[in-house]
Amino acid sequence: MMGLWDGGFGAVEVRRVQPYEATKAYACPGCHRQISPGTGHYVAVPADAPDLRRHWHKACWDRR
């Protein structure tokens, strides 16, 4: 776990997903490109709305 980030919509828990844990493809909300299976990335989970979690490329999250 990387901790919490307040992005204007309340606290968000940010976790690292290791390459061996990444078994599905996701669309990154930062660049709208695919995060391929086997690619390490971050998942951001809003504390008040865990069903709105989003998967981000590491670089996109850092640039947000």
PDB file of N, CA and C in Angstrom:
ATOM      1  N   MET A   1       0.837  -1.180   0.000  1.00  0.00           N
ATOM      2  CA  MET A   1       0.000   0.000   0.000  1.00  0.00           C
ATOM      3  C   MET A   1       0.881   1.242   0.000  1.00  0.00           C
ATOM      4  N   MET A   2       0.514   2.228  -0.797  1.00  0.00           N
ATOM      5  CA  MET A   2       1.310   3.445  -0.905  1.00  0.00           C
ATOM      6  C   MET A   2       0.763   4.571  -0.050  1.00  0.00           C
ATOM      7  N   GLY A   3      -0.453   4.497   0.411  1.00  0.00           N
ATOM      8  CA  GLY A   3      -0.991   5.554   1.247  1.00  0.00           C
ATOM      9  C   GLY A   3      -2.211   6.204   0.639  1.00  0.00           C
ATOM     10  N   LEU A   4      -2.557   7.377   1.169  1.00  0.00           N
ATOM     11  CA  LEU A   4      -3.761   8.075   0.726  1.00  0.00           C
ATOM     12  C   LEU A   4      -3.394   9.344  -0.023  1.00  0.00           C
ATOM     13  N   TRP A   5      -4.254   9.726  -0.946  1.00  0.00           N
ATOM     14  CA  TRP A   5      -4.075  10.949  -1.720  1.00  0.00           C
ATOM     15  C   TRP A   5      -5.422  11.629  -1.800  1.00  0.00           C
ATOM     16  N   ASP A   6      -5.495  12.913  -1.557  1.00  0.00           N
ATOM     17  CA  ASP A   6      -6.739  13.651  -1.667  1.00  0.00           C
ATOM     18  C   ASP A   6      -6.762  14.343  -3.027  1.00  0.00           C
ATOM     19  N   GLY A   7      -7.574  13.820  -3.922  1.00  0.00           N
ATOM     20  CA  GLY A   7      -7.608  14.333  -5.285  1.00  0.00           C
ATOM     21  C   GLY A   7      -8.814  15.194  -5.583  1.00  0.00           C
ATOM     22  N   GLY A   8      -9.380  15.848  -4.581  1.00  0.00           N
ATOM     23  CA  GLY A   8     -10.532  16.695  -4.818  1.00  0.00           C
ATOM     24  C   GLY A   8     -11.848  15.961  -4.650  1.00  0.00           C
ATOM     25  N   PHE A   9     -11.817  14.651  -4.622  1.00  0.00           N
ATOM     26  CA  PHE A   9     -13.029  13.853  -4.437  1.00  0.00           C
ATOM     27  C   PHE A   9     -12.955  13.055  -3.152  1.00  0.00           C
ATOM     28  N   GLY A  10     -12.131  13.485  -2.226  1.00  0.00           N
ATOM     29  CA  GLY A  10     -11.950  12.768  -0.973  1.00  0.00           C
ATOM     30  C   GLY A  10     -10.709  11.903  -1.011  1.00  0.00           C
ATOM     31  N   ALA A  11     -10.497  11.206   0.071  1.00  0.00           N
ATOM     32  CA  ALA A  11      -9.304  10.366   0.205  1.00  0.00           C
ATOM     33  C   ALA A  11      -9.346   9.205  -0.781  1.00  0.00           C
ATOM     34  N   VAL A  12      -8.182   8.917  -1.347  1.00  0.00           N
ATOM     35  CA  VAL A  12      -8.038   7.813  -2.292  1.00  0.00           C
ATOM     36  C   VAL A  12      -6.861   6.970  -1.854  1.00  0.00           C
ATOM     37  N   GLU A  13      -7.090   5.672  -1.685  1.00  0.00           N
ATOM     38  CA  GLU A  13      -6.001   4.756  -1.368  1.00  0.00           C
ATOM     39  C   GLU A  13      -5.318   4.365  -2.670  1.00  0.00           C
ATOM     40  N   VAL A  14      -4.006   4.448  -2.691  1.00  0.00           N
ATOM     41  CA  VAL A  14      -3.236   4.124  -3.895  1.00  0.00           C
ATOM     42  C   VAL A  14      -2.379   2.902  -3.594  1.00  0.00           C
ATOM     43  N   ARG A  15      -2.529   1.878  -4.424  1.00  0.00           N
ATOM     44  CA  ARG A  15      -1.783   0.625  -4.248  1.00  0.00           C
ATOM     45  C   ARG A  15      -0.977   0.330  -5.500  1.00  0.00           C
ATOM     46  N   ARG A  16       0.154  -0.311  -5.299  1.00  0.00           N
ATOM     47  CA  ARG A  16       0.947  -0.792  -6.440  1.00  0.00           C
ATOM     48  C   ARG A  16       0.447  -2.170  -6.835  1.00  0.00           C
ATOM     49  N   VAL A  17       0.356  -2.385  -8.122  1.00  0.00           N
ATOM     50  CA  VAL A  17       0.049  -3.702  -8.669  1.00  0.00           C
ATOM     51  C   VAL A  17       1.331  -4.176  -9.338  1.00  0.00           C
ATOM     52  N   GLN A  18       1.884  -5.263  -8.839  1.00  0.00           N
ATOM     53  CA  GLN A  18       3.115  -5.819  -9.393  1.00  0.00           C
ATOM     54  C   GLN A  18       2.815  -6.513 -10.725  1.00  0.00           C
ATOM     55  N   PRO A  19       3.805  -6.600 -11.613  1.00  0.00           N
ATOM     56  CA  PRO A  19       3.569  -7.236 -12.917  1.00  0.00           C
ATOM     57  C   PRO A  19       2.969  -8.639 -12.817  1.00  0.00           C
ATOM     58  N   TYR A  20       3.418  -9.436 -11.862  1.00  0.00           N
ATOM     59  CA  TYR A  20       2.890 -10.796 -11.750  1.00  0.00           C
ATOM     60  C   TYR A  20       1.451 -10.816 -11.232  1.00  0.00           C
ATOM     61  N   GLU A  21       0.978  -9.713 -10.645  1.00  0.00           N
ATOM     62  CA  GLU A  21      -0.402  -9.616 -10.157  1.00  0.00           C
ATOM     63  C   GLU A  21      -1.355  -9.089 -11.229  1.00  0.00           C
ATOM     64  N   ALA A  22      -0.816  -8.473 -12.267  1.00  0.00           N
ATOM     65  CA  ALA A  22      -1.625  -7.834 -13.308  1.00  0.00           C
ATOM     66  C   ALA A  22      -2.022  -8.876 -14.347  1.00  0.00           C
ATOM     67  N   THR A  23      -3.211  -9.424 -14.193  1.00  0.00           N
ATOM     68  CA  THR A  23      -3.650 -10.516 -15.064  1.00  0.00           C
ATOM     69  C   THR A  23      -4.703 -10.085 -16.083  1.00  0.00           C
ATOM     70  N   LYS A  24      -5.174  -8.838 -15.994  1.00  0.00           N
ATOM     71  CA  LYS A  24      -6.198  -8.334 -16.906  1.00  0.00           C
ATOM     72  C   LYS A  24      -5.729  -7.027 -17.540  1.00  0.00           C
ATOM     73  N   ALA A  25      -6.367  -6.664 -18.634  1.00  0.00           N
ATOM     74  CA  ALA A  25      -6.104  -5.373 -19.277  1.00  0.00           C
ATOM     75  C   ALA A  25      -7.056  -4.333 -18.696  1.00  0.00           C
ATOM     76  N   TYR A  26      -6.560  -3.103 -18.564  1.00  0.00           N
ATOM     77  CA  TYR A  26      -7.367  -1.991 -18.053  1.00  0.00           C
ATOM     78  C   TYR A  26      -7.116  -0.774 -18.928  1.00  0.00           C
ATOM     79  N   ALA A  27      -8.051   0.159 -18.947  1.00  0.00           N
ATOM     80  CA  ALA A  27      -7.869   1.437 -19.634  1.00  0.00           C
ATOM     81  C   ALA A  27      -7.425   2.464 -18.600  1.00  0.00           C
ATOM     82  N   CYS A  28      -6.308   3.109 -18.850  1.00  0.00           N
ATOM     83  CA  CYS A  28      -5.780   4.130 -17.951  1.00  0.00           C
ATOM     84  C   CYS A  28      -6.579   5.418 -18.134  1.00  0.00           C
ATOM     85  N   PRO A  29      -7.126   6.006 -17.046  1.00  0.00           N
ATOM     86  CA  PRO A  29      -7.873   7.255 -17.186  1.00  0.00           C
ATOM     87  C   PRO A  29      -6.975   8.457 -17.466  1.00  0.00           C
ATOM     88  N   GLY A  30      -5.673   8.319 -17.288  1.00  0.00           N
ATOM     89  CA  GLY A  30      -4.759   9.420 -17.541  1.00  0.00           C
ATOM     90  C   GLY A  30      -4.464   9.634 -19.009  1.00  0.00           C
ATOM     91  N   CYS A  31      -4.288   8.532 -19.754  1.00  0.00           N
ATOM     92  CA  CYS A  31      -3.932   8.631 -21.175  1.00  0.00           C
ATOM     93  C   CYS A  31      -4.932   7.904 -22.070  1.00  0.00           C
ATOM     94  N   HIS A  32      -5.862   7.174 -21.477  1.00  0.00           N
ATOM     95  CA  HIS A  32      -6.887   6.420 -22.205  1.00  0.00           C
ATOM     96  C   HIS A  32      -6.310   5.294 -23.058  1.00  0.00           C
ATOM     97  N   ARG A  33      -5.092   4.879 -22.741  1.00  0.00           N
ATOM     98  CA  ARG A  33      -4.482   3.737 -23.424  1.00  0.00           C
ATOM     99  C   ARG A  33      -4.592   2.504 -22.536  1.00  0.00           C
ATOM    100  N   GLN A  34      -4.353   1.375 -23.131  1.00  0.00           N
ATOM    101  CA  GLN A  34      -4.463   0.115 -22.406  1.00  0.00           C
ATOM    102  C   GLN A  34      -3.266  -0.135 -21.495  1.00  0.00           C
ATOM    103  N   ILE A  35      -3.554  -0.666 -20.321  1.00  0.00           N
ATOM    104  CA  ILE A  35      -2.522  -1.229 -19.441  1.00  0.00           C
ATOM    105  C   ILE A  35      -2.584  -2.732 -19.690  1.00  0.00           C
ATOM    106  N   SER A  36      -1.576  -3.271 -20.311  1.00  0.00           N
ATOM    107  CA  SER A  36      -1.577  -4.681 -20.700  1.00  0.00           C
ATOM    108  C   SER A  36      -1.358  -5.596 -19.510  1.00  0.00           C
ATOM    109  N   PRO A  37      -1.875  -6.836 -19.589  1.00  0.00           N
ATOM    110  CA  PRO A  37      -1.573  -7.813 -18.544  1.00  0.00           C
ATOM    111  C   PRO A  37      -0.057  -7.971 -18.405  1.00  0.00           C
ATOM    112  N   GLY A  38       0.409  -8.133 -17.192  1.00  0.00           N
ATOM    113  CA  GLY A  38       1.828  -8.287 -16.940  1.00  0.00           C
ATOM    114  C   GLY A  38       2.568  -6.973 -16.768  1.00  0.00           C
ATOM    115  N   THR A  39       1.837  -5.849 -16.801  1.00  0.00           N
ATOM    116  CA  THR A  39       2.439  -4.530 -16.642  1.00  0.00           C
ATOM    117  C   THR A  39       2.155  -4.013 -15.237  1.00  0.00           C
ATOM    118  N   GLY A  40       3.200  -3.667 -14.501  1.00  0.00           N
ATOM    119  CA  GLY A  40       3.015  -3.079 -13.182  1.00  0.00           C
ATOM    120  C   GLY A  40       2.353  -1.716 -13.312  1.00  0.00           C
ATOM    121  N   HIS A  41       1.473  -1.380 -12.377  1.00  0.00           N
ATOM    122  CA  HIS A  41       0.758  -0.115 -12.432  1.00  0.00           C
ATOM    123  C   HIS A  41       0.216   0.217 -11.043  1.00  0.00           C
ATOM    124  N   TYR A  42      -0.541   1.294 -10.939  1.00  0.00           N
ATOM    125  CA  TYR A  42      -1.177   1.680  -9.681  1.00  0.00           C
ATOM    126  C   TYR A  42      -2.680   1.492  -9.806  1.00  0.00           C
ATOM    127  N   VAL A  43      -3.324   1.237  -8.676  1.00  0.00           N
ATOM    128  CA  VAL A  43      -4.778   1.255  -8.618  1.00  0.00           C
ATOM    129  C   VAL A  43      -5.157   2.270  -7.544  1.00  0.00           C
ATOM    130  N   ALA A  44      -6.044   3.192  -7.904  1.00  0.00           N
ATOM    131  CA  ALA A  44      -6.507   4.232  -6.991  1.00  0.00           C
ATOM    132  C   ALA A  44      -7.943   3.898  -6.595  1.00  0.00           C
ATOM    133  N   VAL A  45      -8.182   3.793  -5.278  1.00  0.00           N
ATOM    134  CA  VAL A  45      -9.480   3.383  -4.761  1.00  0.00           C
ATOM    135  C   VAL A  45     -10.029   4.483  -3.861  1.00  0.00           C
ATOM    136  N   PRO A  46     -11.086   5.205  -4.285  1.00  0.00           N
ATOM    137  CA  PRO A  46     -11.683   6.220  -3.420  1.00  0.00           C
ATOM    138  C   PRO A  46     -12.242   5.583  -2.151  1.00  0.00           C
ATOM    139  N   ALA A  47     -11.936   6.169  -1.004  1.00  0.00           N
ATOM    140  CA  ALA A  47     -12.360   5.607   0.283  1.00  0.00           C
ATOM    141  C   ALA A  47     -13.876   5.536   0.395  1.00  0.00           C
ATOM    142  N   ASP A  48     -14.574   6.528  -0.139  1.00  0.00           N
ATOM    143  CA  ASP A  48     -16.037   6.559  -0.024  1.00  0.00           C
ATOM    144  C   ASP A  48     -16.757   5.857  -1.164  1.00  0.00           C
ATOM    145  N   ALA A  49     -16.024   5.412  -2.176  1.00  0.00           N
ATOM    146  CA  ALA A  49     -16.650   4.766  -3.331  1.00  0.00           C
ATOM    147  C   ALA A  49     -15.685   3.742  -3.938  1.00  0.00           C
ATOM    148  N   PRO A  50     -15.422   2.637  -3.230  1.00  0.00           N
ATOM    149  CA  PRO A  50     -14.443   1.657  -3.721  1.00  0.00           C
ATOM    150  C   PRO A  50     -14.799   1.056  -5.076  1.00  0.00           C
ATOM    151  N   ASP A  51     -16.077   1.093  -5.459  1.00  0.00           N
ATOM    152  CA  ASP A  51     -16.478   0.574  -6.765  1.00  0.00           C
ATOM    153  C   ASP A  51     -16.010   1.486  -7.909  1.00  0.00           C
ATOM    154  N   LEU A  52     -15.512   2.678  -7.590  1.00  0.00           N
ATOM    155  CA  LEU A  52     -14.996   3.599  -8.603  1.00  0.00           C
ATOM    156  C   LEU A  52     -13.485   3.525  -8.746  1.00  0.00           C
ATOM    157  N   ARG A  53     -12.887   2.410  -8.332  1.00  0.00           N
ATOM    158  CA  ARG A  53     -11.427   2.281  -8.432  1.00  0.00           C
ATOM    159  C   ARG A  53     -11.001   2.357  -9.892  1.00  0.00           C
ATOM    160  N   ARG A  54      -9.797   2.887 -10.102  1.00  0.00           N
ATOM    161  CA  ARG A  54      -9.254   3.026 -11.450  1.00  0.00           C
ATOM    162  C   ARG A  54      -7.805   2.577 -11.460  1.00  0.00           C
ATOM    163  N   HIS A  55      -7.409   1.975 -12.560  1.00  0.00           N
ATOM    164  CA  HIS A  55      -6.041   1.496 -12.750  1.00  0.00           C
ATOM    165  C   HIS A  55      -5.308   2.502 -13.620  1.00  0.00           C
ATOM    166  N   TRP A  56      -4.107   2.906 -13.172  1.00  0.00           N
ATOM    167  CA  TRP A  56      -3.319   3.946 -13.834  1.00  0.00           C
ATOM    168  C   TRP A  56      -1.930   3.426 -14.185  1.00  0.00           C
ATOM    169  N   HIS A  57      -1.394   3.866 -15.339  1.00  0.00           N
ATOM    170  CA  HIS A  57       0.042   3.691 -15.584  1.00  0.00           C
ATOM    171  C   HIS A  57       0.782   4.467 -14.502  1.00  0.00           C
ATOM    172  N   LYS A  58       1.932   3.994 -14.103  1.00  0.00           N
ATOM    173  CA  LYS A  58       2.716   4.700 -13.083  1.00  0.00           C
ATOM    174  C   LYS A  58       3.040   6.125 -13.528  1.00  0.00           C
ATOM    175  N   ALA A  59       3.481   6.294 -14.766  1.00  0.00           N
ATOM    176  CA  ALA A  59       3.849   7.632 -15.259  1.00  0.00           C
ATOM    177  C   ALA A  59       2.639   8.550 -15.326  1.00  0.00           C
ATOM    178  N   CYS A  60       1.491   8.032 -15.732  1.00  0.00           N
ATOM    179  CA  CYS A  60       0.280   8.859 -15.802  1.00  0.00           C
ATOM    180  C   CYS A  60      -0.146   9.310 -14.408  1.00  0.00           C
ATOM    181  N   TRP A  61      -0.052   8.414 -13.438  1.00  0.00           N
ATOM    182  CA  TRP A  61      -0.404   8.784 -12.066  1.00  0.00           C
ATOM    183  C   TRP A  61       0.542   9.873 -11.558  1.00  0.00           C
ATOM    184  N   ASP A  62       1.816   9.724 -11.843  1.00  0.00           N
ATOM    185  CA  ASP A  62       2.788  10.718 -11.378  1.00  0.00           C
ATOM    186  C   ASP A  62       2.580  12.089 -12.030  1.00  0.00           C
ATOM    187  N   ARG A  63       2.072  12.110 -13.273  1.00  0.00           N
ATOM    188  CA  ARG A  63       1.845  13.367 -14.003  1.00  0.00           C
ATOM    189  C   ARG A  63       0.504  14.009 -13.705  1.00  0.00           C
ATOM    190  N   ARG A  64      -0.428  13.306 -13.097  1.00  0.00           N
ATOM    191  CA  ARG A  64      -1.810  13.778 -12.965  1.00  0.00           C
ATOM    192  C   ARG A  64      -1.939  15.160 -12.367  1.00  0.00           C
TER     193      ARG A  64
END
